[in-house]
Amino acid sequence: MKVAQAREAARQWVVEEAGSMPGFCGAYTAGSTNWLADDADVTATSDLDIMVVVSDPNPASRRGKFQRRDVLLEASYLRRDQLESSELVLRDYHLAPSLQSSTILLDPSGHLASLRAIVCRDYAKRQWVLERCANARDKLLGHLRSINEGVPLHDIVMACLFGAGVTTHLLLTAGLRNPTVRTRYVTARAIGGL
């Protein structure tokens, strides 16, 4: 299946199901498929991520991964206030690259389209790249600060591993690349970070 077909399956799911949720504000694509051309293949093991924006801070529906028209979709939910302003998005090292590379699937109010236009315009500006790098650094340090001698060894190891993984996100963020999880080490090496 091609990326464009997978995006269309995602759009149809949003229109038919997510769009009728109470508090629905909009939806857009996220994840690694955002960085692929429309005619690229989506592998059977890959999913297409959908960010469903809702006004309710505690959405009742947590769909997760599911099949739709021969494509694996994964729906995640964002509170509308997380996308309140371009400044909030541009500071966030996960939200900014996702939104600036996204396909908007449904946007009843037009807020996502206007927000995306600003994020696309300002995404590579030094101020926002530095802010996103600081955001990634803070997440890394948070993992490392969670380490203390009073916890089991496996918890210490996991905190170190998660922290080590986020170091690649710092490099990818600085390089204006997708802070992916699955291919973060390979992608960071490709931009000269490792």
N, C-alpha and C. Protein backbone atom coordinates (compact mmCIF):
# COMPACT_ATOMS: atom_id res chain seq x y z
N MET A 1 0.84 -1.18 0.00
CA MET A 1 0.00 0.00 0.00
C MET A 1 0.89 1.25 0.00
N LYS A 2 0.46 2.26 -0.70
CA LYS A 2 1.18 3.52 -0.79
C LYS A 2 0.78 4.43 0.38
N VAL A 3 1.68 5.35 0.72
CA VAL A 3 1.42 6.28 1.81
C VAL A 3 0.14 7.08 1.56
N ALA A 4 -0.07 7.54 0.35
CA ALA A 4 -1.28 8.32 0.04
C ALA A 4 -2.54 7.50 0.31
N GLN A 5 -2.53 6.22 -0.01
CA GLN A 5 -3.69 5.36 0.27
C GLN A 5 -3.89 5.18 1.77
N ALA A 6 -2.80 5.04 2.50
CA ALA A 6 -2.90 4.89 3.96
C ALA A 6 -3.45 6.17 4.59
N ARG A 7 -3.02 7.31 4.09
CA ARG A 7 -3.54 8.58 4.60
C ARG A 7 -5.04 8.72 4.31
N GLU A 8 -5.46 8.25 3.16
CA GLU A 8 -6.88 8.31 2.82
C GLU A 8 -7.68 7.39 3.73
N ALA A 9 -7.17 6.22 4.05
CA ALA A 9 -7.85 5.33 4.99
C ALA A 9 -7.95 5.99 6.36
N ALA A 10 -6.89 6.68 6.76
CA ALA A 10 -6.91 7.40 8.04
C ALA A 10 -7.95 8.51 8.02
N ARG A 11 -8.00 9.27 6.91
CA ARG A 11 -8.96 10.35 6.80
C ARG A 11 -10.39 9.81 6.87
N GLN A 12 -10.64 8.72 6.20
CA GLN A 12 -11.98 8.15 6.23
C GLN A 12 -12.37 7.70 7.64
N TRP A 13 -11.43 7.10 8.37
CA TRP A 13 -11.72 6.70 9.76
C TRP A 13 -12.06 7.93 10.60
N VAL A 14 -11.28 9.00 10.42
CA VAL A 14 -11.53 10.21 11.19
C VAL A 14 -12.92 10.76 10.87
N VAL A 15 -13.26 10.85 9.59
CA VAL A 15 -14.56 11.39 9.19
C VAL A 15 -15.70 10.52 9.71
N GLU A 16 -15.55 9.21 9.60
CA GLU A 16 -16.64 8.30 9.94
C GLU A 16 -16.76 8.02 11.45
N GLU A 17 -15.66 8.04 12.17
CA GLU A 17 -15.70 7.65 13.58
C GLU A 17 -15.23 8.75 14.54
N ALA A 18 -14.00 9.16 14.41
CA ALA A 18 -13.44 10.11 15.38
C ALA A 18 -14.15 11.46 15.32
N GLY A 19 -14.54 11.88 14.13
CA GLY A 19 -15.16 13.18 13.97
C GLY A 19 -16.47 13.35 14.71
N SER A 20 -17.10 12.25 15.08
CA SER A 20 -18.37 12.34 15.82
C SER A 20 -18.18 12.22 17.33
N MET A 21 -16.94 12.12 17.79
CA MET A 21 -16.67 12.06 19.23
C MET A 21 -17.06 13.38 19.89
N PRO A 22 -17.60 13.33 21.10
CA PRO A 22 -17.84 14.59 21.81
C PRO A 22 -16.51 15.32 22.04
N GLY A 23 -16.49 16.61 21.78
CA GLY A 23 -15.29 17.41 21.99
C GLY A 23 -14.26 17.31 20.88
N PHE A 24 -14.61 16.65 19.76
CA PHE A 24 -13.67 16.53 18.65
C PHE A 24 -13.34 17.90 18.08
N CYS A 25 -12.04 18.18 17.90
CA CYS A 25 -11.59 19.47 17.36
C CYS A 25 -10.87 19.33 16.02
N GLY A 26 -10.31 18.17 15.75
CA GLY A 26 -9.58 17.97 14.51
C GLY A 26 -8.68 16.77 14.59
N ALA A 27 -8.02 16.46 13.47
CA ALA A 27 -7.09 15.32 13.45
C ALA A 27 -6.06 15.54 12.35
N TYR A 28 -4.87 15.02 12.59
CA TYR A 28 -3.80 15.10 11.61
C TYR A 28 -2.90 13.89 11.72
N THR A 29 -2.12 13.62 10.67
CA THR A 29 -1.19 12.50 10.68
C THR A 29 0.05 12.87 11.49
N ALA A 30 0.69 11.86 12.02
CA ALA A 30 1.92 12.06 12.78
C ALA A 30 2.86 10.90 12.48
N GLY A 31 4.04 10.95 13.04
CA GLY A 31 4.96 9.83 12.92
C GLY A 31 5.77 9.80 11.65
N SER A 32 6.43 8.68 11.46
CA SER A 32 7.40 8.53 10.37
C SER A 32 6.80 8.64 8.98
N THR A 33 5.53 8.25 8.81
CA THR A 33 4.95 8.33 7.47
C THR A 33 4.83 9.77 6.99
N ASN A 34 4.80 10.73 7.93
CA ASN A 34 4.77 12.14 7.53
C ASN A 34 5.99 12.52 6.70
N TRP A 35 7.07 11.81 6.90
CA TRP A 35 8.33 12.16 6.27
C TRP A 35 8.54 11.37 4.96
N LEU A 36 7.50 10.64 4.54
CA LEU A 36 7.58 9.85 3.31
C LEU A 36 6.76 10.49 2.20
N ALA A 37 7.18 10.24 0.97
CA ALA A 37 6.44 10.72 -0.20
C ALA A 37 5.13 9.94 -0.34
N ASP A 38 4.16 10.56 -0.99
CA ASP A 38 2.86 9.92 -1.21
C ASP A 38 2.97 8.56 -1.89
N ASP A 39 3.95 8.41 -2.78
CA ASP A 39 4.06 7.15 -3.53
C ASP A 39 4.99 6.13 -2.88
N ALA A 40 5.48 6.42 -1.66
CA ALA A 40 6.31 5.46 -0.93
C ALA A 40 5.43 4.32 -0.41
N ASP A 41 6.03 3.17 -0.24
CA ASP A 41 5.30 2.02 0.28
C ASP A 41 5.23 2.06 1.80
N VAL A 42 4.08 1.68 2.33
CA VAL A 42 3.92 1.48 3.78
C VAL A 42 4.08 -0.02 3.99
N THR A 43 5.06 -0.41 4.79
CA THR A 43 5.28 -1.83 5.02
C THR A 43 4.19 -2.40 5.91
N ALA A 44 4.02 -3.70 5.85
CA ALA A 44 2.98 -4.37 6.65
C ALA A 44 3.22 -4.20 8.14
N THR A 45 4.46 -3.97 8.54
CA THR A 45 4.77 -3.83 9.97
C THR A 45 4.72 -2.38 10.44
N SER A 46 4.50 -1.45 9.53
CA SER A 46 4.43 -0.04 9.90
C SER A 46 2.99 0.37 10.15
N ASP A 47 2.84 1.40 10.96
CA ASP A 47 1.51 1.96 11.17
C ASP A 47 1.51 3.42 10.74
N LEU A 48 0.33 3.96 10.60
CA LEU A 48 0.17 5.38 10.31
C LEU A 48 -0.45 6.00 11.57
N ASP A 49 0.26 6.93 12.14
CA ASP A 49 -0.18 7.56 13.39
C ASP A 49 -1.14 8.70 13.10
N ILE A 50 -2.18 8.77 13.92
CA ILE A 50 -3.18 9.83 13.81
C ILE A 50 -3.27 10.52 15.16
N MET A 51 -3.14 11.84 15.14
CA MET A 51 -3.35 12.63 16.35
C MET A 51 -4.76 13.19 16.30
N VAL A 52 -5.59 12.78 17.25
CA VAL A 52 -6.97 13.25 17.34
C VAL A 52 -6.99 14.32 18.42
N VAL A 53 -7.39 15.52 18.04
CA VAL A 53 -7.41 16.66 18.96
C VAL A 53 -8.81 16.78 19.55
N VAL A 54 -8.88 16.81 20.87
CA VAL A 54 -10.17 16.87 21.56
C VAL A 54 -10.14 17.98 22.61
N SER A 55 -11.30 18.53 22.90
CA SER A 55 -11.37 19.58 23.92
C SER A 55 -11.36 19.00 25.32
N ASP A 56 -11.88 17.79 25.48
CA ASP A 56 -11.95 17.13 26.78
C ASP A 56 -10.54 16.73 27.21
N PRO A 57 -10.08 17.19 28.37
CA PRO A 57 -8.73 16.83 28.80
C PRO A 57 -8.57 15.36 29.15
N ASN A 58 -9.66 14.64 29.32
CA ASN A 58 -9.60 13.21 29.60
C ASN A 58 -10.48 12.44 28.62
N PRO A 59 -10.05 12.32 27.38
CA PRO A 59 -10.90 11.65 26.40
C PRO A 59 -11.18 10.21 26.82
N ALA A 60 -12.43 9.82 26.72
CA ALA A 60 -12.84 8.48 27.15
C ALA A 60 -12.35 7.41 26.19
N SER A 61 -12.25 7.75 24.92
CA SER A 61 -11.89 6.75 23.91
C SER A 61 -10.39 6.76 23.68
N ARG A 62 -9.78 5.63 23.93
CA ARG A 62 -8.35 5.45 23.66
C ARG A 62 -8.23 4.32 22.65
N ARG A 63 -8.26 4.63 21.39
CA ARG A 63 -8.36 3.62 20.35
C ARG A 63 -7.10 2.78 20.21
N GLY A 64 -5.92 3.37 20.22
CA GLY A 64 -4.69 2.61 20.02
C GLY A 64 -4.55 2.14 18.59
N LYS A 65 -3.94 0.96 18.42
CA LYS A 65 -3.70 0.40 17.08
C LYS A 65 -4.91 -0.40 16.62
N PHE A 66 -5.21 -0.27 15.30
CA PHE A 66 -6.31 -1.02 14.71
C PHE A 66 -6.15 -1.05 13.20
N GLN A 67 -6.78 -2.03 12.57
CA GLN A 67 -6.75 -2.17 11.12
C GLN A 67 -7.91 -1.40 10.49
N ARG A 68 -7.61 -0.74 9.39
CA ARG A 68 -8.66 -0.05 8.63
C ARG A 68 -8.26 -0.11 7.16
N ARG A 69 -9.07 -0.75 6.35
CA ARG A 69 -8.82 -0.84 4.91
C ARG A 69 -7.39 -1.28 4.60
N ASP A 70 -6.97 -2.37 5.22
CA ASP A 70 -5.66 -2.99 5.00
C ASP A 70 -4.46 -2.13 5.43
N VAL A 71 -4.69 -1.20 6.32
CA VAL A 71 -3.58 -0.42 6.87
C VAL A 71 -3.70 -0.42 8.39
N LEU A 72 -2.56 -0.49 9.05
CA LEU A 72 -2.53 -0.43 10.51
C LEU A 72 -2.48 1.05 10.91
N LEU A 73 -3.51 1.49 11.63
CA LEU A 73 -3.58 2.86 12.11
C LEU A 73 -3.37 2.86 13.61
N GLU A 74 -2.84 3.96 14.12
CA GLU A 74 -2.74 4.14 15.57
C GLU A 74 -3.24 5.53 15.91
N ALA A 75 -4.32 5.57 16.67
CA ALA A 75 -4.91 6.85 17.09
C ALA A 75 -4.43 7.20 18.49
N SER A 76 -3.93 8.41 18.62
CA SER A 76 -3.55 8.97 19.92
C SER A 76 -4.33 10.26 20.09
N TYR A 77 -4.49 10.69 21.31
CA TYR A 77 -5.34 11.85 21.59
C TYR A 77 -4.54 12.97 22.23
N LEU A 78 -4.77 14.17 21.73
CA LEU A 78 -4.15 15.39 22.26
C LEU A 78 -5.25 16.31 22.78
N ARG A 79 -4.97 16.97 23.87
CA ARG A 79 -5.90 18.01 24.36
C ARG A 79 -5.75 19.24 23.48
N ARG A 80 -6.82 19.88 23.20
CA ARG A 80 -6.83 21.09 22.37
C ARG A 80 -5.91 22.16 22.93
N ASP A 81 -5.81 22.26 24.25
CA ASP A 81 -4.96 23.30 24.83
C ASP A 81 -3.47 23.07 24.57
N GLN A 82 -3.07 21.85 24.20
CA GLN A 82 -1.67 21.59 23.84
C GLN A 82 -1.31 22.24 22.50
N LEU A 83 -2.34 22.58 21.74
CA LEU A 83 -2.16 23.21 20.43
C LEU A 83 -2.74 24.62 20.42
N GLU A 84 -2.81 25.22 21.58
CA GLU A 84 -3.44 26.54 21.73
C GLU A 84 -2.72 27.62 20.94
N SER A 85 -1.38 27.55 20.94
CA SER A 85 -0.63 28.60 20.25
C SER A 85 0.55 27.99 19.50
N SER A 86 1.03 28.72 18.52
CA SER A 86 2.19 28.26 17.76
C SER A 86 3.42 28.18 18.66
N GLU A 87 3.52 29.07 19.64
CA GLU A 87 4.67 29.05 20.55
C GLU A 87 4.73 27.76 21.34
N LEU A 88 3.59 27.30 21.84
CA LEU A 88 3.56 26.03 22.57
C LEU A 88 4.04 24.88 21.68
N VAL A 89 3.56 24.85 20.47
CA VAL A 89 3.92 23.77 19.55
C VAL A 89 5.38 23.88 19.14
N LEU A 90 5.84 25.06 18.79
CA LEU A 90 7.21 25.24 18.32
C LEU A 90 8.25 24.90 19.39
N ARG A 91 7.89 24.97 20.66
CA ARG A 91 8.80 24.62 21.76
C ARG A 91 8.88 23.11 22.00
N ASP A 92 7.90 22.37 21.55
CA ASP A 92 7.77 20.95 21.86
C ASP A 92 8.46 20.11 20.80
N TYR A 93 9.47 19.34 21.18
CA TYR A 93 10.26 18.63 20.19
C TYR A 93 9.54 17.44 19.56
N HIS A 94 8.40 17.05 20.09
CA HIS A 94 7.58 16.03 19.43
C HIS A 94 6.47 16.67 18.59
N LEU A 95 5.80 17.67 19.14
CA LEU A 95 4.67 18.27 18.43
C LEU A 95 5.08 19.05 17.19
N ALA A 96 6.13 19.84 17.29
CA ALA A 96 6.51 20.71 16.16
C ALA A 96 6.85 19.93 14.90
N PRO A 97 7.76 18.94 14.95
CA PRO A 97 8.06 18.24 13.70
C PRO A 97 6.87 17.45 13.17
N SER A 98 6.07 16.95 14.09
CA SER A 98 4.89 16.19 13.68
C SER A 98 3.90 17.07 12.94
N LEU A 99 3.59 18.23 13.51
CA LEU A 99 2.60 19.10 12.89
C LEU A 99 3.13 19.73 11.60
N GLN A 100 4.39 20.13 11.57
CA GLN A 100 4.90 20.79 10.38
C GLN A 100 5.00 19.84 9.19
N SER A 101 5.07 18.54 9.44
CA SER A 101 5.17 17.58 8.34
C SER A 101 3.86 16.81 8.11
N SER A 102 2.81 17.19 8.81
CA SER A 102 1.56 16.41 8.82
C SER A 102 0.68 16.66 7.61
N THR A 103 -0.29 15.76 7.49
CA THR A 103 -1.44 15.95 6.62
C THR A 103 -2.63 16.16 7.54
N ILE A 104 -3.32 17.25 7.38
CA ILE A 104 -4.49 17.49 8.22
C ILE A 104 -5.64 16.66 7.65
N LEU A 105 -6.21 15.84 8.50
CA LEU A 105 -7.26 14.91 8.07
C LEU A 105 -8.66 15.50 8.19
N LEU A 106 -8.88 16.28 9.24
CA LEU A 106 -10.17 16.94 9.44
C LEU A 106 -9.94 18.10 10.39
N ASP A 107 -10.45 19.26 10.01
CA ASP A 107 -10.20 20.49 10.77
C ASP A 107 -11.42 21.40 10.70
N PRO A 108 -12.48 21.05 11.46
CA PRO A 108 -13.74 21.80 11.34
C PRO A 108 -13.62 23.31 11.57
N SER A 109 -12.76 23.72 12.49
CA SER A 109 -12.67 25.15 12.81
C SER A 109 -11.61 25.88 12.00
N GLY A 110 -10.71 25.14 11.35
CA GLY A 110 -9.60 25.76 10.62
C GLY A 110 -8.40 26.06 11.50
N HIS A 111 -8.50 25.77 12.80
CA HIS A 111 -7.40 26.08 13.73
C HIS A 111 -6.13 25.32 13.38
N LEU A 112 -6.25 24.03 13.05
CA LEU A 112 -5.05 23.24 12.75
C LEU A 112 -4.34 23.76 11.51
N ALA A 113 -5.10 24.13 10.49
CA ALA A 113 -4.48 24.64 9.26
C ALA A 113 -3.73 25.95 9.51
N SER A 114 -4.33 26.85 10.27
CA SER A 114 -3.64 28.12 10.53
C SER A 114 -2.44 27.91 11.45
N LEU A 115 -2.57 27.02 12.42
CA LEU A 115 -1.45 26.70 13.31
C LEU A 115 -0.32 26.04 12.53
N ARG A 116 -0.66 25.10 11.67
CA ARG A 116 0.35 24.41 10.86
C ARG A 116 1.09 25.39 9.96
N ALA A 117 0.41 26.36 9.39
CA ALA A 117 1.06 27.34 8.52
C ALA A 117 2.13 28.12 9.28
N ILE A 118 1.83 28.51 10.51
CA ILE A 118 2.81 29.25 11.32
C ILE A 118 3.97 28.35 11.71
N VAL A 119 3.65 27.12 12.12
CA VAL A 119 4.70 26.18 12.52
C VAL A 119 5.62 25.88 11.33
N CYS A 120 5.06 25.68 10.15
CA CYS A 120 5.89 25.46 8.96
C CYS A 120 6.79 26.65 8.68
N ARG A 121 6.26 27.84 8.81
CA ARG A 121 7.03 29.06 8.54
C ARG A 121 8.19 29.23 9.52
N ASP A 122 7.93 28.94 10.81
CA ASP A 122 8.92 29.24 11.85
C ASP A 122 9.72 28.03 12.33
N TYR A 123 9.43 26.86 11.82
CA TYR A 123 10.02 25.61 12.32
C TYR A 123 11.54 25.64 12.37
N ALA A 124 12.19 26.12 11.32
CA ALA A 124 13.66 26.08 11.24
C ALA A 124 14.33 27.31 11.84
N LYS A 125 13.56 28.24 12.39
CA LYS A 125 14.18 29.42 12.98
C LYS A 125 14.98 29.03 14.22
N ARG A 126 16.15 29.61 14.33
CA ARG A 126 17.11 29.26 15.39
C ARG A 126 16.47 29.27 16.78
N GLN A 127 15.69 30.29 17.08
CA GLN A 127 15.06 30.40 18.40
C GLN A 127 14.27 29.15 18.74
N TRP A 128 13.48 28.65 17.78
CA TRP A 128 12.61 27.50 18.05
C TRP A 128 13.38 26.20 18.04
N VAL A 129 14.43 26.11 17.22
CA VAL A 129 15.26 24.90 17.25
C VAL A 129 15.93 24.79 18.61
N LEU A 130 16.45 25.91 19.12
CA LEU A 130 17.08 25.89 20.44
C LEU A 130 16.08 25.56 21.54
N GLU A 131 14.87 26.07 21.44
CA GLU A 131 13.82 25.76 22.43
C GLU A 131 13.48 24.26 22.41
N ARG A 132 13.38 23.69 21.22
CA ARG A 132 13.07 22.25 21.11
C ARG A 132 14.24 21.41 21.62
N CYS A 133 15.45 21.84 21.36
CA CYS A 133 16.61 21.11 21.88
C CYS A 133 16.60 21.15 23.41
N ALA A 134 16.26 22.28 23.98
CA ALA A 134 16.16 22.38 25.45
C ALA A 134 15.06 21.47 25.98
N ASN A 135 13.96 21.37 25.24
CA ASN A 135 12.86 20.48 25.61
C ASN A 135 13.33 19.02 25.62
N ALA A 136 14.08 18.60 24.60
CA ALA A 136 14.62 17.24 24.54
C ALA A 136 15.63 17.02 25.66
N ARG A 137 16.49 18.02 25.90
CA ARG A 137 17.47 17.92 26.99
C ARG A 137 16.78 17.75 28.33
N ASP A 138 15.71 18.50 28.56
CA ASP A 138 14.98 18.39 29.83
C ASP A 138 14.38 17.00 30.00
N LYS A 139 13.90 16.42 28.91
CA LYS A 139 13.35 15.07 28.99
C LYS A 139 14.45 14.07 29.32
N LEU A 140 15.59 14.21 28.67
CA LEU A 140 16.75 13.35 28.94
C LEU A 140 17.16 13.45 30.40
N LEU A 141 17.30 14.66 30.90
CA LEU A 141 17.70 14.85 32.29
C LEU A 141 16.66 14.32 33.26
N GLY A 142 15.39 14.40 32.89
CA GLY A 142 14.34 13.83 33.72
C GLY A 142 14.51 12.33 33.90
N HIS A 143 14.85 11.65 32.81
CA HIS A 143 15.10 10.21 32.92
C HIS A 143 16.29 9.94 33.84
N LEU A 144 17.35 10.70 33.67
CA LEU A 144 18.54 10.48 34.48
C LEU A 144 18.31 10.84 35.95
N ARG A 145 17.52 11.86 36.21
CA ARG A 145 17.22 12.24 37.59
C ARG A 145 16.36 11.21 38.31
N SER A 146 15.67 10.39 37.54
CA SER A 146 14.82 9.37 38.17
C SER A 146 15.64 8.21 38.74
N ILE A 147 16.92 8.21 38.47
CA ILE A 147 17.80 7.15 38.97
C ILE A 147 18.18 7.45 40.41
N ASN A 148 17.92 6.49 41.26
CA ASN A 148 18.43 6.59 42.64
C ASN A 148 18.72 5.20 43.16
N GLU A 149 19.54 5.12 44.18
CA GLU A 149 20.02 3.84 44.67
C GLU A 149 18.93 3.01 45.34
N GLY A 150 17.82 3.62 45.67
CA GLY A 150 16.77 2.90 46.38
C GLY A 150 15.83 2.09 45.49
N VAL A 151 16.04 2.13 44.18
CA VAL A 151 15.15 1.41 43.28
C VAL A 151 15.84 0.16 42.76
N PRO A 152 15.08 -0.81 42.30
CA PRO A 152 15.68 -2.04 41.78
C PRO A 152 16.58 -1.76 40.57
N LEU A 153 17.56 -2.63 40.38
CA LEU A 153 18.52 -2.48 39.30
C LEU A 153 17.85 -2.36 37.94
N HIS A 154 16.79 -3.14 37.70
CA HIS A 154 16.14 -3.08 36.38
C HIS A 154 15.52 -1.71 36.12
N ASP A 155 15.06 -1.02 37.17
CA ASP A 155 14.53 0.33 37.00
C ASP A 155 15.65 1.32 36.66
N ILE A 156 16.81 1.13 37.27
CA ILE A 156 17.97 1.98 36.97
C ILE A 156 18.40 1.78 35.51
N VAL A 157 18.47 0.52 35.09
CA VAL A 157 18.87 0.22 33.71
C VAL A 157 17.89 0.84 32.72
N MET A 158 16.59 0.71 32.99
CA MET A 158 15.59 1.27 32.07
C MET A 158 15.69 2.79 32.00
N ALA A 159 15.90 3.45 33.12
CA ALA A 159 16.05 4.91 33.11
C ALA A 159 17.27 5.32 32.29
N CYS A 160 18.35 4.57 32.42
CA CYS A 160 19.56 4.86 31.62
C CYS A 160 19.30 4.63 30.14
N LEU A 161 18.61 3.54 29.81
CA LEU A 161 18.32 3.25 28.40
C LEU A 161 17.41 4.30 27.78
N PHE A 162 16.36 4.69 28.50
CA PHE A 162 15.47 5.72 27.98
C PHE A 162 16.22 7.04 27.81
N GLY A 163 17.04 7.39 28.78
CA GLY A 163 17.84 8.60 28.67
C GLY A 163 18.78 8.56 27.49
N ALA A 164 19.43 7.40 27.29
CA ALA A 164 20.35 7.25 26.15
C ALA A 164 19.60 7.42 24.83
N GLY A 165 18.40 6.88 24.76
CA GLY A 165 17.60 7.02 23.53
C GLY A 165 17.24 8.45 23.23
N VAL A 166 16.98 9.22 24.28
CA VAL A 166 16.59 10.62 24.08
C VAL A 166 17.79 11.47 23.62
N THR A 167 19.02 11.00 23.86
CA THR A 167 20.17 11.75 23.34
C THR A 167 20.09 11.84 21.82
N THR A 168 19.59 10.79 21.18
CA THR A 168 19.43 10.85 19.72
C THR A 168 18.37 11.87 19.34
N HIS A 169 17.34 12.01 20.16
CA HIS A 169 16.29 12.99 19.86
C HIS A 169 16.86 14.41 19.90
N LEU A 170 17.79 14.64 20.79
CA LEU A 170 18.44 15.96 20.85
C LEU A 170 19.17 16.24 19.52
N LEU A 171 19.90 15.25 19.03
CA LEU A 171 20.61 15.40 17.76
C LEU A 171 19.65 15.56 16.58
N LEU A 172 18.61 14.73 16.56
CA LEU A 172 17.65 14.80 15.47
C LEU A 172 16.90 16.12 15.48
N THR A 173 16.56 16.60 16.65
CA THR A 173 15.88 17.89 16.77
C THR A 173 16.77 19.01 16.24
N ALA A 174 18.03 19.00 16.62
CA ALA A 174 18.97 20.02 16.13
C ALA A 174 19.13 19.94 14.61
N GLY A 175 19.03 18.73 14.06
CA GLY A 175 19.18 18.53 12.62
C GLY A 175 17.89 18.66 11.84
N LEU A 176 16.82 19.14 12.52
CA LEU A 176 15.51 19.33 11.88
C LEU A 176 14.97 18.03 11.27
N ARG A 177 15.22 16.93 11.96
CA ARG A 177 14.76 15.62 11.50
C ARG A 177 13.67 15.11 12.44
N ASN A 178 13.01 14.06 12.02
CA ASN A 178 11.95 13.42 12.79
C ASN A 178 12.55 12.75 14.03
N PRO A 179 12.12 13.13 15.24
CA PRO A 179 12.63 12.45 16.44
C PRO A 179 11.93 11.10 16.63
N THR A 180 12.25 10.20 15.74
CA THR A 180 11.62 8.89 15.70
C THR A 180 12.13 8.00 16.83
N VAL A 181 11.42 6.95 17.08
CA VAL A 181 11.86 6.00 18.10
C VAL A 181 12.53 4.80 17.44
N ARG A 182 11.86 4.20 16.48
CA ARG A 182 12.35 2.95 15.91
C ARG A 182 13.67 3.10 15.18
N THR A 183 13.86 4.17 14.44
CA THR A 183 15.09 4.32 13.65
C THR A 183 15.97 5.46 14.14
N ARG A 184 15.81 5.85 15.39
CA ARG A 184 16.53 7.03 15.88
C ARG A 184 18.04 6.90 15.82
N TYR A 185 18.60 5.72 16.11
CA TYR A 185 20.05 5.57 16.10
C TYR A 185 20.61 5.65 14.69
N VAL A 186 19.96 4.98 13.75
CA VAL A 186 20.40 5.00 12.35
C VAL A 186 20.28 6.41 11.78
N THR A 187 19.16 7.07 12.07
CA THR A 187 18.93 8.42 11.54
C THR A 187 19.92 9.41 12.15
N ALA A 188 20.19 9.29 13.45
CA ALA A 188 21.16 10.19 14.09
C ALA A 188 22.56 9.97 13.49
N ARG A 189 22.90 8.74 13.22
CA ARG A 189 24.21 8.47 12.59
C ARG A 189 24.27 9.09 11.20
N ALA A 190 23.18 9.02 10.45
CA ALA A 190 23.15 9.55 9.09
C ALA A 190 23.37 11.06 9.05
N ILE A 191 22.96 11.76 10.11
CA ILE A 191 23.19 13.22 10.11
C ILE A 191 24.52 13.57 10.76
N GLY A 192 25.32 12.55 11.10
CA GLY A 192 26.66 12.78 11.62
C GLY A 192 26.72 12.90 13.13
N GLY A 193 25.64 12.53 13.82
CA GLY A 193 25.61 12.68 15.27
C GLY A 193 26.26 11.54 16.03
N LEU A 194 26.38 10.39 15.42
CA LEU A 194 26.96 9.23 16.16
C LEU A 194 28.07 8.59 15.38
